Amino acid sequence: MNKEHSNFSKSVMITNELGLHARAAAKIARLAMQAEKIIWIIKDDEKVDASSIIDILTLGCSKGTMIKITTDNESDIDVLNDIVMLVEKGFGE
């Protein structure tokens, strides 16, 4: 099996009152930049680069929105898990 095409992903709900706003997006982007390859955020049929604050904001995620965080690179699992934990904790707000 070619690992390059494996996909690692987790779904998580936006729980903070303000949703996925600029400060929260910046926290995600900061973590995503530590990955070797691209970490993606998927909402419905939209897929954006998690290291781009602007791209994240275009998703328009309010409280209660389900998103999927995904990567194709197994060595980026820790970064993916850190982002999921950040979202689950409401970005520390």
PDB file of N, CA and C in Angstrom:
ATOM      1  N   MET A   1       0.842  -1.193   0.000  1.00  0.00           N
ATOM      2  CA  MET A   1       0.000   0.000   0.000  1.00  0.00           C
ATOM      3  C   MET A   1       0.882   1.251   0.000  1.00  0.00           C
ATOM      4  N   ASN A   2       0.561   2.194  -0.826  1.00  0.00           N
ATOM      5  CA  ASN A   2       1.313   3.432  -0.907  1.00  0.00           C
ATOM      6  C   ASN A   2       0.823   4.392   0.173  1.00  0.00           C
ATOM      7  N   LYS A   3       1.665   4.654   1.164  1.00  0.00           N
ATOM      8  CA  LYS A   3       1.274   5.514   2.280  1.00  0.00           C
ATOM      9  C   LYS A   3       1.012   6.952   1.850  1.00  0.00           C
ATOM     10  N   GLU A   4       1.574   7.351   0.738  1.00  0.00           N
ATOM     11  CA  GLU A   4       1.407   8.725   0.267  1.00  0.00           C
ATOM     12  C   GLU A   4      -0.074   9.062   0.060  1.00  0.00           C
ATOM     13  N   HIS A   5      -0.880   8.039  -0.191  1.00  0.00           N
ATOM     14  CA  HIS A   5      -2.298   8.286  -0.449  1.00  0.00           C
ATOM     15  C   HIS A   5      -3.178   7.924   0.739  1.00  0.00           C
ATOM     16  N   SER A   6      -2.556   7.594   1.876  1.00  0.00           N
ATOM     17  CA  SER A   6      -3.336   7.370   3.088  1.00  0.00           C
ATOM     18  C   SER A   6      -3.883   8.708   3.544  1.00  0.00           C
ATOM     19  N   ASN A   7      -4.960   8.658   4.293  1.00  0.00           N
ATOM     20  CA  ASN A   7      -5.568   9.894   4.752  1.00  0.00           C
ATOM     21  C   ASN A   7      -5.850   9.767   6.235  1.00  0.00           C
ATOM     22  N   PHE A   8      -5.408  10.739   7.005  1.00  0.00           N
ATOM     23  CA  PHE A   8      -5.624  10.752   8.440  1.00  0.00           C
ATOM     24  C   PHE A   8      -6.507  11.948   8.751  1.00  0.00           C
ATOM     25  N   SER A   9      -7.653  11.696   9.380  1.00  0.00           N
ATOM     26  CA  SER A   9      -8.557  12.807   9.636  1.00  0.00           C
ATOM     27  C   SER A   9      -9.379  12.583  10.896  1.00  0.00           C
ATOM     28  N   LYS A  10      -9.834  13.699  11.455  1.00  0.00           N
ATOM     29  CA  LYS A  10     -10.719  13.683  12.611  1.00  0.00           C
ATOM     30  C   LYS A  10     -11.757  14.771  12.423  1.00  0.00           C
ATOM     31  N   SER A  11     -12.977  14.460  12.832  1.00  0.00           N
ATOM     32  CA  SER A  11     -14.036  15.465  12.798  1.00  0.00           C
ATOM     33  C   SER A  11     -14.171  16.083  14.179  1.00  0.00           C
ATOM     34  N   VAL A  12     -14.478  17.356  14.194  1.00  0.00           N
ATOM     35  CA  VAL A  12     -14.600  18.077  15.456  1.00  0.00           C
ATOM     36  C   VAL A  12     -15.625  19.202  15.291  1.00  0.00           C
ATOM     37  N   MET A  13     -16.325  19.526  16.388  1.00  0.00           N
ATOM     38  CA  MET A  13     -17.330  20.587  16.340  1.00  0.00           C
ATOM     39  C   MET A  13     -16.764  21.877  16.925  1.00  0.00           C
ATOM     40  N   ILE A  14     -17.090  22.993  16.282  1.00  0.00           N
ATOM     41  CA  ILE A  14     -16.728  24.311  16.815  1.00  0.00           C
ATOM     42  C   ILE A  14     -17.634  24.567  18.022  1.00  0.00           C
ATOM     43  N   THR A  15     -17.028  24.764  19.199  1.00  0.00           N
ATOM     44  CA  THR A  15     -17.833  24.875  20.419  1.00  0.00           C
ATOM     45  C   THR A  15     -17.831  26.267  21.044  1.00  0.00           C
ATOM     46  N   ASN A  16     -16.879  27.119  20.654  1.00  0.00           N
ATOM     47  CA  ASN A  16     -16.834  28.435  21.294  1.00  0.00           C
ATOM     48  C   ASN A  16     -17.899  29.367  20.727  1.00  0.00           C
ATOM     49  N   GLU A  17     -18.346  30.312  21.549  1.00  0.00           N
ATOM     50  CA  GLU A  17     -19.447  31.218  21.194  1.00  0.00           C
ATOM     51  C   GLU A  17     -19.205  32.003  19.911  1.00  0.00           C
ATOM     52  N   LEU A  18     -17.984  32.473  19.698  1.00  0.00           N
ATOM     53  CA  LEU A  18     -17.697  33.328  18.549  1.00  0.00           C
ATOM     54  C   LEU A  18     -17.418  32.558  17.266  1.00  0.00           C
ATOM     55  N   GLY A  19     -17.373  31.230  17.359  1.00  0.00           N
ATOM     56  CA  GLY A  19     -17.084  30.440  16.172  1.00  0.00           C
ATOM     57  C   GLY A  19     -15.615  30.547  15.792  1.00  0.00           C
ATOM     58  N   LEU A  20     -15.336  30.221  14.549  1.00  0.00           N
ATOM     59  CA  LEU A  20     -13.954  30.220  14.059  1.00  0.00           C
ATOM     60  C   LEU A  20     -13.625  31.608  13.517  1.00  0.00           C
ATOM     61  N   HIS A  21     -13.243  32.519  14.425  1.00  0.00           N
ATOM     62  CA  HIS A  21     -12.940  33.908  14.084  1.00  0.00           C
ATOM     63  C   HIS A  21     -11.439  34.083  13.863  1.00  0.00           C
ATOM     64  N   ALA A  22     -10.999  35.306  13.615  1.00  0.00           N
ATOM     65  CA  ALA A  22      -9.606  35.567  13.219  1.00  0.00           C
ATOM     66  C   ALA A  22      -8.578  35.089  14.251  1.00  0.00           C
ATOM     67  N   ARG A  23      -8.800  35.368  15.526  1.00  0.00           N
ATOM     68  CA  ARG A  23      -7.826  34.970  16.552  1.00  0.00           C
ATOM     69  C   ARG A  23      -7.742  33.450  16.635  1.00  0.00           C
ATOM     70  N   ALA A  24      -8.884  32.780  16.570  1.00  0.00           N
ATOM     71  CA  ALA A  24      -8.916  31.312  16.591  1.00  0.00           C
ATOM     72  C   ALA A  24      -8.243  30.747  15.340  1.00  0.00           C
ATOM     73  N   ALA A  25      -8.519  31.349  14.189  1.00  0.00           N
ATOM     74  CA  ALA A  25      -7.905  30.909  12.929  1.00  0.00           C
ATOM     75  C   ALA A  25      -6.387  31.062  12.992  1.00  0.00           C
ATOM     76  N   ALA A  26      -5.917  32.130  13.632  1.00  0.00           N
ATOM     77  CA  ALA A  26      -4.472  32.356  13.767  1.00  0.00           C
ATOM     78  C   ALA A  26      -3.835  31.268  14.620  1.00  0.00           C
ATOM     79  N   LYS A  27      -4.537  30.825  15.656  1.00  0.00           N
ATOM     80  CA  LYS A  27      -4.019  29.746  16.517  1.00  0.00           C
ATOM     81  C   LYS A  27      -3.909  28.441  15.729  1.00  0.00           C
ATOM     82  N   ILE A  28      -4.920  28.151  14.907  1.00  0.00           N
ATOM     83  CA  ILE A  28      -4.883  26.949  14.067  1.00  0.00           C
ATOM     84  C   ILE A  28      -3.733  27.047  13.067  1.00  0.00           C
ATOM     85  N   ALA A  29      -3.629  28.198  12.401  1.00  0.00           N
ATOM     86  CA  ALA A  29      -2.596  28.387  11.380  1.00  0.00           C
ATOM     87  C   ALA A  29      -1.196  28.221  11.976  1.00  0.00           C
ATOM     88  N   ARG A  30      -0.996  28.751  13.182  1.00  0.00           N
ATOM     89  CA  ARG A  30       0.304  28.646  13.839  1.00  0.00           C
ATOM     90  C   ARG A  30       0.677  27.178  14.047  1.00  0.00           C
ATOM     91  N   LEU A  31      -0.279  26.370  14.475  1.00  0.00           N
ATOM     92  CA  LEU A  31      -0.032  24.935  14.649  1.00  0.00           C
ATOM     93  C   LEU A  31       0.192  24.253  13.304  1.00  0.00           C
ATOM     94  N   ALA A  32      -0.654  24.566  12.326  1.00  0.00           N
ATOM     95  CA  ALA A  32      -0.579  23.917  11.009  1.00  0.00           C
ATOM     96  C   ALA A  32       0.758  24.177  10.323  1.00  0.00           C
ATOM     97  N   MET A  33       1.364  25.322  10.592  1.00  0.00           N
ATOM     98  CA  MET A  33       2.648  25.652   9.975  1.00  0.00           C
ATOM     99  C   MET A  33       3.772  24.753  10.485  1.00  0.00           C
ATOM    100  N   GLN A  34       3.554  24.061  11.592  1.00  0.00           N
ATOM    101  CA  GLN A  34       4.567  23.149  12.131  1.00  0.00           C
ATOM    102  C   GLN A  34       4.576  21.806  11.393  1.00  0.00           C
ATOM    103  N   ALA A  35       3.556  21.551  10.580  1.00  0.00           N
ATOM    104  CA  ALA A  35       3.442  20.279   9.861  1.00  0.00           C
ATOM    105  C   ALA A  35       4.421  20.236   8.685  1.00  0.00           C
ATOM    106  N   GLU A  36       4.839  19.025   8.341  1.00  0.00           N
ATOM    107  CA  GLU A  36       5.725  18.845   7.185  1.00  0.00           C
ATOM    108  C   GLU A  36       4.976  19.073   5.877  1.00  0.00           C
ATOM    109  N   LYS A  37       3.743  18.606   5.835  1.00  0.00           N
ATOM    110  CA  LYS A  37       2.907  18.765   4.634  1.00  0.00           C
ATOM    111  C   LYS A  37       1.658  19.559   5.019  1.00  0.00           C
ATOM    112  N   ILE A  38       0.765  19.733   4.070  1.00  0.00           N
ATOM    113  CA  ILE A  38      -0.428  20.553   4.321  1.00  0.00           C
ATOM    114  C   ILE A  38      -1.420  19.821   5.231  1.00  0.00           C
ATOM    115  N   ILE A  39      -1.919  20.559   6.215  1.00  0.00           N
ATOM    116  CA  ILE A  39      -3.056  20.112   7.020  1.00  0.00           C
ATOM    117  C   ILE A  39      -4.267  20.825   6.409  1.00  0.00           C
ATOM    118  N   TRP A  40      -5.318  20.085   6.172  1.00  0.00           N
ATOM    119  CA  TRP A  40      -6.521  20.642   5.540  1.00  0.00           C
ATOM    120  C   TRP A  40      -7.648  20.737   6.553  1.00  0.00           C
ATOM    121  N   ILE A  41      -8.508  21.733   6.365  1.00  0.00           N
ATOM    122  CA  ILE A  41      -9.770  21.819   7.104  1.00  0.00           C
ATOM    123  C   ILE A  41     -10.874  21.704   6.070  1.00  0.00           C
ATOM    124  N   ILE A  42     -11.816  20.806   6.336  1.00  0.00           N
ATOM    125  CA  ILE A  42     -12.916  20.578   5.403  1.00  0.00           C
ATOM    126  C   ILE A  42     -14.237  20.871   6.101  1.00  0.00           C
ATOM    127  N   LYS A  43     -15.045  21.700   5.454  1.00  0.00           N
ATOM    128  CA  LYS A  43     -16.413  21.976   5.917  1.00  0.00           C
ATOM    129  C   LYS A  43     -17.319  21.746   4.721  1.00  0.00           C
ATOM    130  N   ASP A  44     -18.258  20.836   4.871  1.00  0.00           N
ATOM    131  CA  ASP A  44     -19.122  20.442   3.761  1.00  0.00           C
ATOM    132  C   ASP A  44     -18.247  20.013   2.583  1.00  0.00           C
ATOM    133  N   ASP A  45     -18.308  20.717   1.460  1.00  0.00           N
ATOM    134  CA  ASP A  45     -17.480  20.329   0.313  1.00  0.00           C
ATOM    135  C   ASP A  45     -16.335  21.313   0.071  1.00  0.00           C
ATOM    136  N   GLU A  46     -16.069  22.192   1.047  1.00  0.00           N
ATOM    137  CA  GLU A  46     -14.959  23.139   0.934  1.00  0.00           C
ATOM    138  C   GLU A  46     -13.745  22.623   1.683  1.00  0.00           C
ATOM    139  N   LYS A  47     -12.577  22.726   1.061  1.00  0.00           N
ATOM    140  CA  LYS A  47     -11.329  22.237   1.649  1.00  0.00           C
ATOM    141  C   LYS A  47     -10.298  23.359   1.581  1.00  0.00           C
ATOM    142  N   VAL A  48      -9.775  23.766   2.751  1.00  0.00           N
ATOM    143  CA  VAL A  48      -8.808  24.864   2.776  1.00  0.00           C
ATOM    144  C   VAL A  48      -7.543  24.474   3.537  1.00  0.00           C
ATOM    145  N   ASP A  49      -6.473  25.176   3.231  1.00  0.00           N
ATOM    146  CA  ASP A  49      -5.179  24.990   3.876  1.00  0.00           C
ATOM    147  C   ASP A  49      -5.261  25.566   5.295  1.00  0.00           C
ATOM    148  N   ALA A  50      -5.016  24.728   6.301  1.00  0.00           N
ATOM    149  CA  ALA A  50      -5.128  25.151   7.700  1.00  0.00           C
ATOM    150  C   ALA A  50      -4.048  26.132   8.120  1.00  0.00           C
ATOM    151  N   SER A  51      -3.008  26.316   7.304  1.00  0.00           N
ATOM    152  CA  SER A  51      -1.963  27.276   7.663  1.00  0.00           C
ATOM    153  C   SER A  51      -2.285  28.686   7.161  1.00  0.00           C
ATOM    154  N   SER A  52      -3.429  28.841   6.492  1.00  0.00           N
ATOM    155  CA  SER A  52      -3.840  30.149   5.963  1.00  0.00           C
ATOM    156  C   SER A  52      -5.034  30.699   6.747  1.00  0.00           C
ATOM    157  N   ILE A  53      -4.796  31.772   7.496  1.00  0.00           N
ATOM    158  CA  ILE A  53      -5.873  32.384   8.284  1.00  0.00           C
ATOM    159  C   ILE A  53      -7.026  32.801   7.372  1.00  0.00           C
ATOM    160  N   ILE A  54      -6.702  33.444   6.268  1.00  0.00           N
ATOM    161  CA  ILE A  54      -7.735  33.916   5.327  1.00  0.00           C
ATOM    162  C   ILE A  54      -8.570  32.743   4.805  1.00  0.00           C
ATOM    163  N   ASP A  55      -7.880  31.657   4.395  1.00  0.00           N
ATOM    164  CA  ASP A  55      -8.613  30.490   3.894  1.00  0.00           C
ATOM    165  C   ASP A  55      -9.556  29.936   4.959  1.00  0.00           C
ATOM    166  N   ILE A  56      -9.072  29.849   6.198  1.00  0.00           N
ATOM    167  CA  ILE A  56      -9.911  29.322   7.290  1.00  0.00           C
ATOM    168  C   ILE A  56     -11.143  30.200   7.473  1.00  0.00           C
ATOM    169  N   LEU A  57     -10.956  31.508   7.443  1.00  0.00           N
ATOM    170  CA  LEU A  57     -12.074  32.429   7.655  1.00  0.00           C
ATOM    171  C   LEU A  57     -13.130  32.319   6.552  1.00  0.00           C
ATOM    172  N   THR A  58     -12.706  31.953   5.325  1.00  0.00           N
ATOM    173  CA  THR A  58     -13.671  31.840   4.219  1.00  0.00           C
ATOM    174  C   THR A  58     -14.674  30.704   4.459  1.00  0.00           C
ATOM    175  N   LEU A  59     -14.345  29.777   5.370  1.00  0.00           N
ATOM    176  CA  LEU A  59     -15.280  28.681   5.658  1.00  0.00           C
ATOM    177  C   LEU A  59     -16.503  29.163   6.432  1.00  0.00           C
ATOM    178  N   GLY A  60     -16.384  30.270   7.139  1.00  0.00           N
ATOM    179  CA  GLY A  60     -17.519  30.818   7.881  1.00  0.00           C
ATOM    180  C   GLY A  60     -18.079  29.855   8.907  1.00  0.00           C
ATOM    181  N   CYS A  61     -17.250  29.358   9.803  1.00  0.00           N
ATOM    182  CA  CYS A  61     -17.673  28.362  10.794  1.00  0.00           C
ATOM    183  C   CYS A  61     -18.183  29.017  12.067  1.00  0.00           C
ATOM    184  N   SER A  62     -19.477  28.907  12.304  1.00  0.00           N
ATOM    185  CA  SER A  62     -20.065  29.425  13.534  1.00  0.00           C
ATOM    186  C   SER A  62     -20.116  28.308  14.577  1.00  0.00           C
ATOM    187  N   LYS A  63     -20.524  28.663  15.791  1.00  0.00           N
ATOM    188  CA  LYS A  63     -20.652  27.659  16.851  1.00  0.00           C
ATOM    189  C   LYS A  63     -21.581  26.541  16.377  1.00  0.00           C
ATOM    190  N   GLY A  64     -21.178  25.297  16.629  1.00  0.00           N
ATOM    191  CA  GLY A  64     -21.984  24.144  16.240  1.00  0.00           C
ATOM    192  C   GLY A  64     -21.627  23.557  14.881  1.00  0.00           C
ATOM    193  N   THR A  65     -20.728  24.209  14.139  1.00  0.00           N
ATOM    194  CA  THR A  65     -20.305  23.720  12.829  1.00  0.00           C
ATOM    195  C   THR A  65     -19.374  22.513  13.001  1.00  0.00           C
ATOM    196  N   MET A  66     -19.613  21.468  12.223  1.00  0.00           N
ATOM    197  CA  MET A  66     -18.707  20.313  12.208  1.00  0.00           C
ATOM    198  C   MET A  66     -17.682  20.530  11.104  1.00  0.00           C
ATOM    199  N   ILE A  67     -16.410  20.348  11.451  1.00  0.00           N
ATOM    200  CA  ILE A  67     -15.339  20.419  10.462  1.00  0.00           C
ATOM    201  C   ILE A  67     -14.501  19.152  10.558  1.00  0.00           C
ATOM    202  N   LYS A  68     -13.786  18.868   9.495  1.00  0.00           N
ATOM    203  CA  LYS A  68     -12.870  17.731   9.492  1.00  0.00           C
ATOM    204  C   LYS A  68     -11.464  18.286   9.291  1.00  0.00           C
ATOM    205  N   ILE A  69     -10.541  17.824  10.119  1.00  0.00           N
ATOM    206  CA  ILE A  69      -9.132  18.195   9.993  1.00  0.00           C
ATOM    207  C   ILE A  69      -8.437  16.972   9.416  1.00  0.00           C
ATOM    208  N   THR A  70      -7.653  17.158   8.364  1.00  0.00           N
ATOM    209  CA  THR A  70      -7.082  16.007   7.673  1.00  0.00           C
ATOM    210  C   THR A  70      -5.663  16.286   7.165  1.00  0.00           C
ATOM    211  N   THR A  71      -4.899  15.212   7.021  1.00  0.00           N
ATOM    212  CA  THR A  71      -3.562  15.285   6.437  1.00  0.00           C
ATOM    213  C   THR A  71      -3.283  13.980   5.704  1.00  0.00           C
ATOM    214  N   ASP A  72      -2.380  14.043   4.740  1.00  0.00           N
ATOM    215  CA  ASP A  72      -1.963  12.839   4.021  1.00  0.00           C
ATOM    216  C   ASP A  72      -0.656  12.294   4.588  1.00  0.00           C
ATOM    217  N   ASN A  73      -0.075  13.025   5.536  1.00  0.00           N
ATOM    218  CA  ASN A  73       1.252  12.689   6.035  1.00  0.00           C
ATOM    219  C   ASN A  73       1.169  12.135   7.460  1.00  0.00           C
ATOM    220  N   GLU A  74       1.508  10.879   7.619  1.00  0.00           N
ATOM    221  CA  GLU A  74       1.420  10.215   8.921  1.00  0.00           C
ATOM    222  C   GLU A  74       2.245  10.922   9.992  1.00  0.00           C
ATOM    223  N   SER A  75       3.369  11.514   9.612  1.00  0.00           N
ATOM    224  CA  SER A  75       4.216  12.174  10.602  1.00  0.00           C
ATOM    225  C   SER A  75       3.610  13.485  11.115  1.00  0.00           C
ATOM    226  N   ASP A  76       2.516  13.955  10.501  1.00  0.00           N
ATOM    227  CA  ASP A  76       1.828  15.173  10.953  1.00  0.00           C
ATOM    228  C   ASP A  76       0.631  14.878  11.857  1.00  0.00           C
ATOM    229  N   ILE A  77       0.483  13.629  12.284  1.00  0.00           N
ATOM    230  CA  ILE A  77      -0.645  13.248  13.150  1.00  0.00           C
ATOM    231  C   ILE A  77      -0.659  14.057  14.445  1.00  0.00           C
ATOM    232  N   ASP A  78       0.511  14.281  15.035  1.00  0.00           N
ATOM    233  CA  ASP A  78       0.561  15.048  16.288  1.00  0.00           C
ATOM    234  C   ASP A  78       0.052  16.468  16.089  1.00  0.00           C
ATOM    235  N   VAL A  79       0.410  17.090  14.972  1.00  0.00           N
ATOM    236  CA  VAL A  79      -0.066  18.440  14.673  1.00  0.00           C
ATOM    237  C   VAL A  79      -1.583  18.412  14.488  1.00  0.00           C
ATOM    238  N   LEU A  80      -2.064  17.426  13.748  1.00  0.00           N
ATOM    239  CA  LEU A  80      -3.507  17.273  13.541  1.00  0.00           C
ATOM    240  C   LEU A  80      -4.217  17.142  14.888  1.00  0.00           C
ATOM    241  N   ASN A  81      -3.702  16.292  15.770  1.00  0.00           N
ATOM    242  CA  ASN A  81      -4.311  16.094  17.086  1.00  0.00           C
ATOM    243  C   ASN A  81      -4.269  17.363  17.928  1.00  0.00           C
ATOM    244  N   ASP A  82      -3.179  18.137  17.825  1.00  0.00           N
ATOM    245  CA  ASP A  82      -3.084  19.403  18.560  1.00  0.00           C
ATOM    246  C   ASP A  82      -4.154  20.386  18.091  1.00  0.00           C
ATOM    247  N   ILE A  83      -4.404  20.422  16.783  1.00  0.00           N
ATOM    248  CA  ILE A  83      -5.440  21.313  16.243  1.00  0.00           C
ATOM    249  C   ILE A  83      -6.820  20.864  16.718  1.00  0.00           C
ATOM    250  N   VAL A  84      -7.073  19.564  16.680  1.00  0.00           N
ATOM    251  CA  VAL A  84      -8.362  19.039  17.155  1.00  0.00           C
ATOM    252  C   VAL A  84      -8.564  19.408  18.625  1.00  0.00           C
ATOM    253  N   MET A  85      -7.536  19.239  19.444  1.00  0.00           N
ATOM    254  CA  MET A  85      -7.630  19.562  20.869  1.00  0.00           C
ATOM    255  C   MET A  85      -7.902  21.056  21.071  1.00  0.00           C
ATOM    256  N   LEU A  86      -7.243  21.904  20.282  1.00  0.00           N
ATOM    257  CA  LEU A  86      -7.446  23.335  20.351  1.00  0.00           C
ATOM    258  C   LEU A  86      -8.914  23.688  20.077  1.00  0.00           C
ATOM    259  N   VAL A  87      -9.484  23.083  19.023  1.00  0.00           N
ATOM    260  CA  VAL A  87     -10.886  23.337  18.665  1.00  0.00           C
ATOM    261  C   VAL A  87     -11.810  22.821  19.763  1.00  0.00           C
ATOM    262  N   GLU A  88     -11.542  21.592  20.266  1.00  0.00           N
ATOM    263  CA  GLU A  88     -12.388  21.020  21.319  1.00  0.00           C
ATOM    264  C   GLU A  88     -12.379  21.859  22.586  1.00  0.00           C
ATOM    265  N   LYS A  89     -11.286  22.531  22.856  1.00  0.00           N
ATOM    266  CA  LYS A  89     -11.178  23.374  24.057  1.00  0.00           C
ATOM    267  C   LYS A  89     -11.664  24.803  23.807  1.00  0.00           C
ATOM    268  N   GLY A  90     -12.318  25.016  22.664  1.00  0.00           N
ATOM    269  CA  GLY A  90     -12.876  26.328  22.357  1.00  0.00           C
ATOM    270  C   GLY A  90     -11.821  27.410  22.190  1.00  0.00           C
ATOM    271  N   PHE A  91     -10.620  27.023  21.731  1.00  0.00           N
ATOM    272  CA  PHE A  91      -9.521  27.954  21.455  1.00  0.00           C
ATOM    273  C   PHE A  91      -9.062  28.683  22.715  1.00  0.00           C
ATOM    274  N   GLY A  92      -9.359  28.103  23.871  1.00  0.00           N
ATOM    275  CA  GLY A  92      -8.932  28.712  25.130  1.00  0.00           C
ATOM    276  C   GLY A  92      -9.711  29.949  25.519  1.00  0.00           C
ATOM    277  N   GLU A  93     -10.887  30.122  24.910  1.00  0.00           N
ATOM    278  CA  GLU A  93     -11.699  31.328  25.203  1.00  0.00           C
ATOM    279  C   GLU A  93     -12.633  31.081  26.365  1.00  0.00           C
TER     280      GLU A  93
END
